[in-house]
N, C-alpha and C. Protein backbone atom coordinates (compact mmCIF):
# COMPACT_ATOMS: atom_id res chain seq x y z
N UNK A 1 -55.62 -24.32 87.74
CA UNK A 1 -55.05 -25.14 87.99
C UNK A 1 -54.57 -25.61 85.90
N UNK A 2 -53.49 -25.44 85.91
CA UNK A 2 -53.39 -25.99 84.55
C UNK A 2 -52.83 -27.42 84.33
N UNK A 3 -53.32 -28.00 83.49
CA UNK A 3 -53.48 -29.77 83.25
C UNK A 3 -52.48 -29.85 81.97
N UNK A 4 -51.70 -31.01 82.15
CA UNK A 4 -50.54 -31.57 80.85
C UNK A 4 -51.50 -32.07 80.33
N UNK A 5 -52.03 -31.20 79.38
CA UNK A 5 -52.33 -32.24 77.77
C UNK A 5 -51.78 -33.79 77.26
N UNK A 6 -52.63 -34.26 77.02
CA UNK A 6 -51.87 -36.03 76.47
C UNK A 6 -51.23 -35.62 75.09
N UNK A 7 -50.31 -36.27 75.04
CA UNK A 7 -49.66 -36.76 73.71
C UNK A 7 -49.53 -36.06 72.63
N UNK A 8 -50.67 -36.18 71.69
CA UNK A 8 -51.62 -36.06 70.71
C UNK A 8 -51.58 -34.59 70.57
N UNK A 9 -52.60 -33.95 72.05
CA UNK A 9 -52.37 -32.35 71.70
C UNK A 9 -51.46 -32.17 71.92
N UNK A 10 -50.16 -32.34 72.57
CA UNK A 10 -48.54 -31.23 72.58
C UNK A 10 -48.57 -31.58 70.51
N UNK A 11 -48.80 -32.72 70.34
CA UNK A 11 -47.81 -32.50 69.21
C UNK A 11 -48.70 -31.66 67.72
N UNK A 12 -49.59 -31.90 68.71
CA UNK A 12 -50.53 -30.78 67.28
C UNK A 12 -50.72 -29.68 68.03
N UNK A 13 -50.34 -28.79 69.22
CA UNK A 13 -50.15 -27.65 69.38
C UNK A 13 -48.49 -27.37 68.77
N UNK A 14 -47.67 -27.90 69.22
CA UNK A 14 -45.73 -28.10 68.27
C UNK A 14 -46.58 -27.51 67.19
N UNK A 15 -47.42 -28.28 66.58
CA UNK A 15 -47.26 -28.19 64.70
C UNK A 15 -47.96 -27.02 64.39
N UNK A 16 -48.99 -26.24 65.12
CA UNK A 16 -49.47 -25.10 65.45
C UNK A 16 -48.47 -23.88 65.40
N UNK A 17 -47.54 -24.04 66.17
CA UNK A 17 -47.10 -22.89 67.13
C UNK A 17 -45.38 -22.77 65.79
N UNK A 18 -45.04 -23.81 65.42
CA UNK A 18 -43.84 -23.70 64.66
C UNK A 18 -44.00 -23.39 62.95
N UNK A 19 -43.82 -22.03 62.70
CA UNK A 19 -44.23 -21.67 61.17
C UNK A 19 -43.88 -22.69 60.29
N UNK A 20 -44.28 -22.58 59.19
CA UNK A 20 -44.26 -23.42 58.35
C UNK A 20 -42.89 -23.15 57.64
N UNK A 21 -42.36 -23.95 57.23
CA UNK A 21 -41.31 -24.17 56.54
C UNK A 21 -39.99 -24.55 57.44
N UNK A 22 -40.12 -24.58 58.27
CA UNK A 22 -38.80 -24.66 59.56
C UNK A 22 -39.11 -26.01 59.97
N UNK A 23 -39.17 -26.89 59.42
CA UNK A 23 -39.23 -28.61 59.32
C UNK A 23 -37.97 -29.20 58.50
N UNK A 24 -36.74 -29.45 58.99
CA UNK A 24 -35.85 -30.32 58.32
C UNK A 24 -36.28 -30.63 57.16
N UNK A 25 -35.30 -30.71 56.08
CA UNK A 25 -35.39 -31.85 54.89
C UNK A 25 -34.61 -31.88 54.21
N UNK A 26 -34.29 -32.46 53.14
CA UNK A 26 -32.83 -32.31 52.06
C UNK A 26 -33.38 -31.64 51.09
N UNK A 27 -32.15 -30.59 51.05
CA UNK A 27 -32.24 -29.32 50.27
C UNK A 27 -31.54 -30.00 48.79
N UNK A 28 -30.38 -30.94 48.73
CA UNK A 28 -30.12 -31.60 47.57
C UNK A 28 -29.08 -31.12 47.72
N UNK A 29 -27.98 -31.31 46.49
CA UNK A 29 -26.52 -30.78 46.34
C UNK A 29 -26.47 -29.10 45.62
N UNK A 30 -26.06 -28.56 46.62
CA UNK A 30 -25.71 -26.80 45.99
C UNK A 30 -24.87 -26.95 44.92
N UNK A 31 -23.62 -27.40 45.55
CA UNK A 31 -22.46 -27.24 44.30
C UNK A 31 -21.51 -28.28 44.81
N UNK A 32 -20.49 -28.55 43.88
CA UNK A 32 -19.41 -29.88 44.33
C UNK A 32 -18.71 -29.17 45.28
N UNK A 33 -18.01 -29.77 46.26
CA UNK A 33 -17.15 -29.84 47.28
C UNK A 33 -15.61 -30.45 47.34
N UNK A 34 -14.64 -29.39 47.11
CA UNK A 34 -13.47 -29.94 47.23
C UNK A 34 -12.43 -30.09 48.78
N UNK A 35 -11.86 -30.46 48.64
CA UNK A 35 -11.01 -30.60 50.15
C UNK A 35 -10.05 -29.70 49.65
N UNK A 36 -9.55 -29.11 51.21
CA UNK A 36 -8.46 -27.69 51.33
C UNK A 36 -7.43 -27.85 50.09
N UNK A 37 -7.28 -27.40 49.37
CA UNK A 37 -5.92 -27.54 48.59
C UNK A 37 -4.60 -26.69 48.93
N UNK A 38 -4.68 -25.38 49.89
CA UNK A 38 -4.03 -24.57 49.73
C UNK A 38 -2.58 -25.15 50.95
N UNK A 39 -1.18 -24.75 50.31
CA UNK A 39 -0.60 -25.65 51.24
C UNK A 39 -0.39 -24.71 52.86
N UNK A 40 -0.15 -25.59 53.65
CA UNK A 40 0.46 -24.80 55.16
C UNK A 40 1.54 -23.89 54.95
N UNK A 41 1.16 -23.08 55.38
CA UNK A 41 2.33 -21.92 55.63
C UNK A 41 3.06 -21.96 56.30
N UNK A 42 3.47 -22.74 57.47
CA UNK A 42 4.72 -23.29 58.28
C UNK A 42 5.08 -23.92 57.24
N UNK A 43 4.68 -25.45 56.85
CA UNK A 43 5.49 -25.90 56.28
C UNK A 43 5.73 -25.57 55.06
N UNK A 44 5.22 -24.62 54.30
CA UNK A 44 6.06 -24.11 52.90
C UNK A 44 7.32 -23.39 53.47
N UNK A 45 7.41 -22.29 54.36
CA UNK A 45 8.46 -21.89 55.45
C UNK A 45 9.59 -22.91 55.48
N UNK A 46 8.85 -24.07 56.37
CA UNK A 46 10.26 -24.85 56.73
C UNK A 46 10.80 -25.59 55.42
N UNK A 47 9.82 -26.35 54.57
CA UNK A 47 10.59 -26.65 52.95
C UNK A 47 11.38 -25.43 52.37
N UNK A 48 11.79 -24.23 52.27
CA UNK A 48 12.06 -23.23 51.57
C UNK A 48 13.58 -23.73 52.57
N UNK A 49 13.06 -23.04 53.72
CA UNK A 49 14.57 -22.89 54.34
C UNK A 49 15.32 -24.74 54.38
N UNK A 50 14.77 -25.90 54.22
CA UNK A 50 15.46 -27.01 53.89
C UNK A 50 15.97 -26.46 52.95
N UNK A 51 15.39 -26.43 51.76
CA UNK A 51 15.98 -26.32 50.85
C UNK A 51 17.74 -25.22 50.31
N UNK A 52 17.27 -24.03 51.65
CA UNK A 52 18.39 -23.25 50.85
C UNK A 52 19.39 -23.96 52.00
N UNK A 53 19.34 -24.62 52.94
CA UNK A 53 20.54 -25.52 53.42
C UNK A 53 20.96 -26.54 53.07
N UNK A 54 20.20 -26.77 52.18
CA UNK A 54 20.69 -28.11 51.17
C UNK A 54 21.64 -27.56 50.47
N UNK A 55 21.57 -26.32 49.60
CA UNK A 55 21.85 -25.86 48.49
C UNK A 55 23.29 -24.85 49.48
N UNK A 56 23.17 -24.46 50.29
CA UNK A 56 24.17 -23.53 50.86
C UNK A 56 23.94 -22.86 51.25
N UNK A 57 23.07 -21.93 50.79
CA UNK A 57 22.68 -20.47 50.22
C UNK A 57 22.51 -20.33 51.91
N UNK A 58 21.61 -20.71 53.03
CA UNK A 58 21.18 -20.54 53.88
C UNK A 58 22.41 -19.66 54.74
N UNK A 59 23.31 -20.87 54.36
CA UNK A 59 24.82 -20.53 55.33
C UNK A 59 25.28 -19.36 54.80
N UNK A 60 25.49 -19.10 53.64
CA UNK A 60 25.84 -17.67 53.17
C UNK A 60 25.22 -16.54 53.36
N UNK A 61 23.66 -16.75 53.16
CA UNK A 61 22.79 -15.49 54.36
C UNK A 61 23.28 -15.71 55.98
N UNK A 62 23.62 -16.44 56.49
CA UNK A 62 23.97 -15.82 58.54
C UNK A 62 25.54 -15.63 57.67
N UNK A 63 26.30 -16.16 57.06
CA UNK A 63 27.58 -15.38 57.64
C UNK A 63 27.75 -13.85 57.25
N UNK A 64 26.60 -13.77 55.96
CA UNK A 64 27.01 -12.07 55.46
C UNK A 64 25.91 -11.53 56.40
N UNK A 65 25.31 -11.89 57.12
CA UNK A 65 24.62 -11.08 58.08
C UNK A 65 25.45 -10.81 59.49
N UNK A 66 25.91 -11.76 59.71
CA UNK A 66 27.02 -11.57 61.06
C UNK A 66 28.39 -10.91 60.46
N UNK A 67 28.51 -11.05 59.10
CA UNK A 67 30.39 -9.97 58.65
C UNK A 67 29.47 -8.65 58.76
N UNK A 68 28.17 -8.34 58.67
CA UNK A 68 27.44 -6.92 58.42
C UNK A 68 27.40 -6.14 60.06
N UNK A 69 26.89 -7.29 61.05
CA UNK A 69 26.92 -6.99 62.61
C UNK A 69 28.52 -6.61 62.65
N UNK A 70 29.05 -7.41 62.79
CA UNK A 70 30.51 -7.28 63.31
C UNK A 70 31.31 -6.01 62.76
N UNK A 71 30.92 -5.75 61.03
CA UNK A 71 30.99 -4.19 60.59
C UNK A 71 30.56 -3.00 61.33
N UNK A 72 29.69 -3.36 61.81
CA UNK A 72 28.92 -2.08 62.01
C UNK A 72 29.14 -2.09 63.92
N UNK A 73 29.88 -3.26 64.40
CA UNK A 73 29.95 -2.58 65.46
C UNK A 73 31.56 -2.43 65.38
N UNK A 74 32.54 -2.91 64.94
CA UNK A 74 34.34 -2.48 65.01
C UNK A 74 34.06 -1.42 63.95
N UNK A 75 33.88 -1.12 63.16
CA UNK A 75 33.38 0.58 61.90
C UNK A 75 32.81 1.11 61.99
N UNK A 76 31.69 1.84 62.58
CA UNK A 76 30.46 2.68 62.22
C UNK A 76 30.15 3.07 61.46
N UNK A 77 29.12 3.34 61.02
CA UNK A 77 28.79 4.24 59.78
C UNK A 77 29.32 5.57 60.17
N UNK A 78 30.06 6.28 59.41
CA UNK A 78 30.94 7.85 60.04
C UNK A 78 29.97 8.58 60.34
N UNK A 79 30.10 10.05 60.54
CA UNK A 79 29.14 10.72 61.11
C UNK A 79 29.24 11.52 59.71
N UNK A 80 28.14 12.10 58.79
CA UNK A 80 28.55 12.63 57.01
C UNK A 80 28.66 14.21 57.33
N UNK A 81 28.85 15.02 56.71
CA UNK A 81 28.68 16.08 56.91
C UNK A 81 30.34 17.41 57.71
N UNK A 82 30.92 16.31 57.47
CA UNK A 82 32.18 16.79 58.76
C UNK A 82 33.41 17.29 57.61
N UNK A 83 34.00 18.50 57.65
CA UNK A 83 35.57 18.37 56.98
C UNK A 83 36.59 18.72 58.49
N UNK A 84 37.26 19.06 58.04
CA UNK A 84 38.78 18.93 58.80
C UNK A 84 38.93 20.59 59.00
N UNK A 85 38.98 20.46 60.24
CA UNK A 85 39.12 22.19 60.92
C UNK A 85 40.41 22.85 60.17
N UNK A 86 40.46 23.87 59.24
CA UNK A 86 41.60 24.30 58.72
C UNK A 86 41.68 25.93 59.43
N UNK A 87 41.06 26.55 60.29
CA UNK A 87 41.28 27.40 61.21
C UNK A 87 40.94 27.72 62.94
N UNK A 88 41.99 27.75 63.49
CA UNK A 88 41.32 27.70 64.64
C UNK A 88 40.57 28.55 65.45
N UNK A 89 39.12 28.44 66.41
CA UNK A 89 38.44 28.99 66.66
C UNK A 89 37.75 28.46 67.97
N UNK A 90 37.06 29.19 68.47
CA UNK A 90 36.29 28.85 69.95
C UNK A 90 35.48 29.72 69.56
N UNK A 91 34.28 29.10 71.00
CA UNK A 91 33.05 30.09 70.72
C UNK A 91 32.58 29.00 72.06
N UNK A 92 31.35 29.94 72.92
CA UNK A 92 30.69 29.20 74.00
C UNK A 92 29.56 29.14 73.36
N UNK A 93 28.69 28.07 73.72
CA UNK A 93 27.69 26.71 73.38
C UNK A 93 26.68 26.91 75.03
N UNK A 94 25.29 27.38 74.96
CA UNK A 94 24.77 27.47 75.95
C UNK A 94 23.55 26.29 75.80
N UNK A 95 23.85 25.25 76.60
CA UNK A 95 23.37 24.06 76.30
C UNK A 95 21.80 23.47 77.07
N UNK A 96 20.89 25.16 77.54
CA UNK A 96 19.72 24.97 77.83
C UNK A 96 18.72 24.65 76.94
N UNK A 97 17.78 23.96 77.22
CA UNK A 97 16.60 23.39 76.85
C UNK A 97 15.49 23.99 77.13
N UNK A 98 14.23 24.42 75.90
CA UNK A 98 13.16 25.00 76.28
C UNK A 98 12.02 23.97 76.23
N UNK A 99 11.41 23.75 77.24
CA UNK A 99 10.10 22.77 76.96
C UNK A 99 8.86 23.26 77.28
N UNK A 100 8.39 22.87 75.57
CA UNK A 100 7.24 23.88 75.01
C UNK A 100 6.35 23.06 75.79
N UNK A 101 6.05 22.19 76.16
CA UNK A 101 5.09 21.65 76.92
C UNK A 101 5.24 21.02 78.33
N UNK A 102 4.37 21.37 78.98
CA UNK A 102 4.46 20.73 80.32
C UNK A 102 5.13 19.42 80.59
N UNK A 103 5.64 18.76 81.68
CA UNK A 103 6.24 17.67 81.54
C UNK A 103 5.85 16.96 83.04
N UNK A 104 4.51 16.00 82.56
CA UNK A 104 3.76 15.62 84.07
C UNK A 104 5.20 14.30 84.79
N UNK A 105 4.59 13.73 85.91
CA UNK A 105 4.52 12.53 86.28
C UNK A 105 3.60 11.57 86.19
N UNK A 106 4.11 10.32 86.68
CA UNK A 106 2.91 9.22 86.61
C UNK A 106 1.72 9.58 87.16
N UNK A 107 1.73 10.05 87.91
CA UNK A 107 0.38 10.74 88.66
C UNK A 107 -0.49 11.96 88.07
N UNK A 108 0.30 12.28 86.73
CA UNK A 108 -0.68 13.32 85.85
C UNK A 108 -0.29 15.19 86.26
N UNK A 109 0.71 15.10 87.68
CA UNK A 109 1.33 16.07 88.25
C UNK A 109 2.20 16.91 87.17
N UNK A 110 2.13 18.15 87.46
CA UNK A 110 3.31 18.97 86.24
C UNK A 110 4.75 19.05 87.39
N UNK A 111 5.75 18.34 86.47
CA UNK A 111 6.59 18.23 87.01
C UNK A 111 7.50 20.07 86.85
N UNK A 112 7.78 19.94 85.55
CA UNK A 112 8.10 21.12 84.59
C UNK A 112 7.27 21.81 84.23
N UNK A 113 7.15 23.19 84.27
CA UNK A 113 5.95 23.76 83.93
C UNK A 113 6.15 23.58 81.88
N UNK A 114 5.50 24.22 80.99
CA UNK A 114 5.40 24.46 79.66
C UNK A 114 5.98 25.98 79.83
N UNK A 115 7.43 25.77 78.84
CA UNK A 115 7.91 27.60 78.56
C UNK A 115 8.93 27.38 79.85
N UNK A 116 9.35 26.64 80.38
CA UNK A 116 10.46 26.27 80.90
C UNK A 116 11.93 25.89 80.27
N UNK A 117 12.74 26.92 80.73
CA UNK A 117 14.48 26.67 80.04
C UNK A 117 15.25 26.06 81.51
N UNK A 118 15.58 24.89 80.96
CA UNK A 118 16.20 24.54 81.82
C UNK A 118 17.95 24.48 81.28
N UNK A 119 18.73 24.42 82.15
CA UNK A 119 19.79 24.12 81.81
C UNK A 119 20.61 22.82 82.84
N UNK A 120 21.22 21.84 81.78
CA UNK A 120 21.32 20.68 82.75
C UNK A 120 22.88 21.13 83.39
N UNK A 121 23.56 21.41 82.81
CA UNK A 121 24.69 22.28 83.60
C UNK A 121 24.29 22.23 85.20
N UNK A 122 23.23 22.85 85.34
CA UNK A 122 22.37 23.52 86.84
C UNK A 122 22.22 22.32 87.56
N UNK A 123 22.37 20.94 86.92
CA UNK A 123 22.19 19.92 87.72
C UNK A 123 23.37 18.95 87.49
N UNK A 124 24.20 18.64 86.40
CA UNK A 124 25.32 18.22 86.61
C UNK A 124 26.58 18.22 86.04
N UNK A 125 27.59 18.34 85.80
CA UNK A 125 28.65 18.91 85.65
C UNK A 125 28.82 17.70 84.60
N UNK A 126 30.09 18.30 83.51
CA UNK A 126 30.86 17.32 82.98
C UNK A 126 31.56 16.91 83.69
N UNK A 127 32.25 15.63 83.40
CA UNK A 127 33.14 14.57 84.29
C UNK A 127 34.27 14.97 83.57
N UNK A 128 34.36 14.81 82.56
CA UNK A 128 35.76 15.04 81.41
C UNK A 128 35.43 15.70 80.02
N UNK A 129 36.59 16.44 79.45
CA UNK A 129 36.35 17.21 78.03
C UNK A 129 36.86 15.97 77.47
N UNK A 130 35.33 16.86 76.13
CA UNK A 130 35.81 15.76 75.19
C UNK A 130 36.37 16.37 74.20
N UNK A 131 36.83 15.22 73.47
CA UNK A 131 37.97 15.71 72.14
C UNK A 131 37.15 14.74 70.91
N UNK A 132 36.73 15.57 69.85
CA UNK A 132 35.92 14.84 69.22
C UNK A 132 36.78 14.80 67.72
N UNK A 133 36.53 14.08 67.04
CA UNK A 133 38.23 13.52 65.77
C UNK A 133 37.79 12.25 65.11
N UNK A 134 38.06 12.42 63.85
CA UNK A 134 38.33 11.36 63.00
C UNK A 134 38.97 10.78 62.83
N UNK A 135 38.30 9.26 63.56
CA UNK A 135 39.87 8.68 63.32
C UNK A 135 40.24 7.75 61.94
N UNK A 136 39.62 8.11 60.91
CA UNK A 136 40.33 7.71 59.70
C UNK A 136 41.34 9.16 59.21
N UNK A 137 41.25 9.76 59.74
CA UNK A 137 42.43 10.91 59.58
C UNK A 137 43.79 10.80 60.08
N UNK A 138 45.13 10.45 59.74
CA UNK A 138 46.13 10.17 60.67
C UNK A 138 46.69 11.24 61.19
N UNK A 139 46.00 12.65 60.70
CA UNK A 139 46.42 13.81 61.38
C UNK A 139 45.79 14.04 62.33
N UNK A 140 44.43 13.78 62.53
CA UNK A 140 43.82 14.38 63.97
C UNK A 140 44.02 12.66 64.56
N UNK A 141 44.30 11.85 64.08
CA UNK A 141 44.52 11.14 65.09
C UNK A 141 45.74 11.17 66.00
N UNK A 142 46.57 11.67 65.38
CA UNK A 142 47.84 12.03 65.96
C UNK A 142 47.56 13.29 67.02
N UNK A 143 46.96 14.07 66.19
CA UNK A 143 46.77 15.18 67.32
C UNK A 143 46.04 14.76 68.64
N UNK A 144 44.84 13.74 68.78
CA UNK A 144 44.16 13.41 69.70
C UNK A 144 44.99 12.49 70.56
N UNK A 145 46.14 12.44 70.04
CA UNK A 145 46.98 10.99 70.85
C UNK A 145 47.59 12.09 71.99
N UNK A 146 48.50 13.64 71.39
CA UNK A 146 49.15 14.30 72.02
C UNK A 146 48.02 14.66 72.73
N UNK A 147 47.17 15.54 72.39
CA UNK A 147 45.90 15.97 73.57
C UNK A 147 45.48 15.08 74.63
N UNK A 148 46.05 14.10 74.46
CA UNK A 148 45.62 13.24 75.74
C UNK A 148 46.98 12.99 76.49
N UNK A 149 47.69 12.73 75.88
CA UNK A 149 49.18 12.94 76.69
C UNK A 149 49.23 13.79 77.44
N UNK A 150 48.94 15.17 77.26
CA UNK A 150 49.55 16.47 78.12
C UNK A 150 48.77 16.80 78.50
N UNK A 151 47.64 16.20 78.73
CA UNK A 151 46.12 16.56 79.37
C UNK A 151 45.94 16.38 80.93
N UNK A 152 45.81 17.15 81.67
CA UNK A 152 45.75 16.95 83.17
C UNK A 152 44.51 16.54 83.60
N UNK A 153 43.35 16.64 82.98
CA UNK A 153 42.13 16.47 83.44
C UNK A 153 41.94 15.23 82.75
N UNK A 154 40.63 14.42 82.72
CA UNK A 154 40.07 13.24 82.18
C UNK A 154 39.50 13.97 80.58
N UNK A 155 40.02 13.21 80.06
CA UNK A 155 39.44 13.46 78.48
C UNK A 155 38.82 11.93 77.93
N UNK A 156 37.85 12.01 77.15
CA UNK A 156 36.83 10.96 76.85
C UNK A 156 36.81 11.47 74.96
N UNK A 157 37.93 10.70 74.49
CA UNK A 157 38.06 10.60 73.71
C UNK A 157 36.73 10.21 72.30
N UNK A 158 35.98 10.72 71.67
CA UNK A 158 34.93 10.23 71.13
C UNK A 158 35.06 10.41 69.48
N UNK A 159 34.64 9.02 68.93
CA UNK A 159 35.71 9.12 66.90
C UNK A 159 34.08 9.93 66.37
N UNK A 160 33.75 10.25 65.18
CA UNK A 160 33.14 10.65 64.25
C UNK A 160 32.97 9.63 62.96
N UNK A 161 34.32 8.69 62.91
CA UNK A 161 34.67 8.02 61.54
C UNK A 161 36.02 7.13 62.50
N UNK A 162 35.66 5.84 61.52
CA UNK A 162 37.33 5.02 61.99
C UNK A 162 36.45 3.78 62.88
N UNK A 163 36.80 3.40 63.59
CA UNK A 163 37.41 2.01 64.48
C UNK A 163 37.43 2.22 66.10
N UNK A 164 36.29 2.46 66.67
CA UNK A 164 36.66 2.70 68.01
C UNK A 164 37.19 1.00 68.32
N UNK A 165 36.89 0.72 68.19
CA UNK A 165 37.45 -0.73 68.69
C UNK A 165 39.15 -0.99 68.68
N UNK A 166 39.56 -0.73 67.46
CA UNK A 166 40.62 -0.54 66.99
C UNK A 166 41.49 0.82 67.90
N UNK A 167 41.27 1.53 68.19
CA UNK A 167 41.26 2.39 68.74
C UNK A 167 41.66 2.60 69.96
N UNK A 168 40.62 1.48 70.86
CA UNK A 168 41.03 1.15 71.96
C UNK A 168 42.12 0.57 72.12
N UNK A 169 42.21 -0.94 71.28
CA UNK A 169 42.87 -1.66 71.55
C UNK A 169 44.65 -0.88 71.48
N UNK A 170 44.82 -0.01 70.45
CA UNK A 170 45.74 0.51 70.48
C UNK A 170 46.76 1.52 71.40
N UNK A 171 45.11 2.31 71.69
CA UNK A 171 45.56 3.35 73.21
C UNK A 171 45.65 2.36 74.31
N UNK A 172 44.63 1.67 74.71
CA UNK A 172 44.78 0.73 75.98
C UNK A 172 43.76 1.61 77.29
N UNK A 173 42.54 2.19 75.72
CA UNK A 173 41.75 2.70 77.02
C UNK A 173 40.74 2.98 75.92
N UNK A 174 39.09 3.06 76.75
CA UNK A 174 38.34 3.40 76.08
C UNK A 174 37.99 4.60 74.94
N UNK A 175 37.33 4.43 74.23
CA UNK A 175 37.30 5.59 73.04
C UNK A 175 35.94 5.32 72.23
N UNK A 176 35.43 5.93 72.83
CA UNK A 176 33.70 6.36 71.93
C UNK A 176 33.18 6.23 70.47
N UNK A 177 32.08 6.44 70.12
CA UNK A 177 31.84 6.57 68.94
C UNK A 177 30.35 7.57 69.07
N UNK A 178 30.65 8.55 68.53
CA UNK A 178 29.07 9.47 68.17
C UNK A 178 27.86 8.91 67.48
N UNK A 179 26.93 7.89 68.07
CA UNK A 179 26.43 7.41 67.08
C UNK A 179 25.45 8.17 66.65
N UNK A 180 24.96 7.78 64.92
CA UNK A 180 24.24 8.59 64.88
C UNK A 180 24.57 10.54 64.79
N UNK A 181 25.12 10.35 65.09
CA UNK A 181 25.78 12.19 65.12
C UNK A 181 25.16 12.74 66.04
N UNK A 182 24.49 12.24 67.02
CA UNK A 182 23.77 12.81 68.02
C UNK A 182 24.54 14.05 69.10
N UNK A 183 25.35 13.91 69.26
CA UNK A 183 26.37 15.24 69.54
C UNK A 183 26.99 15.93 68.73
N UNK A 184 27.19 15.62 67.77
CA UNK A 184 28.00 16.92 66.62
C UNK A 184 26.73 17.61 65.90
N UNK A 185 25.44 16.80 66.11
CA UNK A 185 23.96 17.86 65.77
C UNK A 185 23.40 18.68 66.90
N UNK A 186 23.68 18.41 68.31
CA UNK A 186 23.12 18.61 69.31
C UNK A 186 24.26 20.19 69.26
N UNK A 187 25.60 19.94 68.85
CA UNK A 187 26.76 21.41 69.57
C UNK A 187 26.64 22.02 67.83
N UNK A 188 26.04 21.67 67.11
CA UNK A 188 26.17 21.84 65.52
C UNK A 188 27.47 22.38 65.19
N UNK A 189 28.12 21.08 65.52
CA UNK A 189 29.59 21.16 64.65
C UNK A 189 29.55 21.06 63.13
N UNK A 190 30.35 21.34 62.47
CA UNK A 190 30.74 21.37 61.36
C UNK A 190 31.64 21.04 60.89
N UNK A 191 33.40 20.96 61.67
CA UNK A 191 34.54 20.56 61.55
C UNK A 191 34.94 19.65 62.58
N UNK A 192 36.20 18.67 62.91
CA UNK A 192 36.46 18.32 63.70
C UNK A 192 37.96 18.54 63.45
N UNK A 193 38.69 17.75 64.39
CA UNK A 193 38.90 18.23 65.73
C UNK A 193 38.29 19.21 66.41
N UNK A 194 38.01 18.17 67.69
CA UNK A 194 37.18 19.91 68.60
C UNK A 194 37.40 19.21 69.83
N UNK A 195 37.66 20.31 70.19
CA UNK A 195 37.47 19.92 72.20
C UNK A 195 36.04 20.68 73.10
N UNK A 196 35.99 19.78 73.67
CA UNK A 196 34.45 20.47 74.42
C UNK A 196 34.84 20.31 76.00
N UNK A 197 34.79 21.03 76.72
CA UNK A 197 34.57 21.30 77.76
C UNK A 197 33.89 22.39 78.62
N UNK A 198 33.30 22.39 79.87
CA UNK A 198 32.28 22.93 80.68
C UNK A 198 33.33 23.96 80.95
N UNK A 199 32.70 25.50 81.28
CA UNK A 199 33.03 26.55 81.38
C UNK A 199 31.64 27.42 82.65
N UNK A 200 31.70 27.26 83.49
CA UNK A 200 29.84 27.83 84.19
C UNK A 200 28.96 27.29 84.17
N UNK A 201 27.92 27.49 83.30
CA UNK A 201 26.98 27.19 82.84
C UNK A 201 26.78 26.94 81.17
N UNK A 202 28.04 27.21 80.73
CA UNK A 202 28.19 26.86 79.31
C UNK A 202 29.46 26.17 78.89
N UNK A 203 29.14 25.93 77.38
CA UNK A 203 30.37 24.24 77.05
C UNK A 203 30.96 25.70 76.30
N UNK A 204 32.48 25.42 76.43
CA UNK A 204 33.55 26.06 75.62
C UNK A 204 33.88 25.03 74.45
N UNK A 205 33.73 25.46 73.17
CA UNK A 205 34.09 24.70 72.23
C UNK A 205 35.61 24.90 71.31
N UNK A 206 36.28 24.43 70.92
CA UNK A 206 37.50 25.00 70.41
C UNK A 206 37.65 23.84 69.40
N UNK A 207 37.65 24.77 67.88
CA UNK A 207 38.55 23.80 66.85
C UNK A 207 39.65 23.85 66.73
N UNK A 208 40.37 22.60 66.62
CA UNK A 208 41.59 22.26 66.29
C UNK A 208 42.43 22.66 65.36
N UNK A 209 43.16 23.00 64.87
CA UNK A 209 44.20 23.19 63.69
C UNK A 209 45.57 21.53 64.19
N UNK A 210 44.74 20.40 63.20
CA UNK A 210 45.79 18.99 63.31
C UNK A 210 46.88 19.52 62.28
N UNK A 211 48.20 19.23 62.61
CA UNK A 211 49.30 19.51 62.05
C UNK A 211 49.48 17.91 60.69
């Protein structure tokens, strides 16, 4: 049986078990103590915004940002590196894509094996002919208008320069823009205006000479 020692015995036992130096005592002052002097970051930003608002600079910045956004929507940056067609020519383009790596679904199953060559025209068809032109060139705009007027099927006008919104209002029909030149790069175009239509499993690309 284990008996509980008296209080004096317990104190002696604790004193013997605790290593020397573990008892708390006053170490004195190590160094001077200062209050936190750094300003709060949120307060600094708020103060700066208030200063710019009071001076009118904030309103100017907001107006400039709004103007840039409106300008980019109304008149996007033109696709660079394109010239006007000088001589009419045409060629066929195979839109097939090669998958160098296998395409997997969400469960890791192979949907398209690596090395597969797929033609999107085997799955979908062009619903309209594309007419790609520069809206900053009056001659190209006139040619596009004439193409639209005499077209028997659907034509999708696509700009590489100029204002699609303005032309949409003038023509009372949607006019699109080749954002970042994706279509131009994919087809390897170097000049406009161009008519792009589907012929079987290929695209027929025709460069048109504006008058």
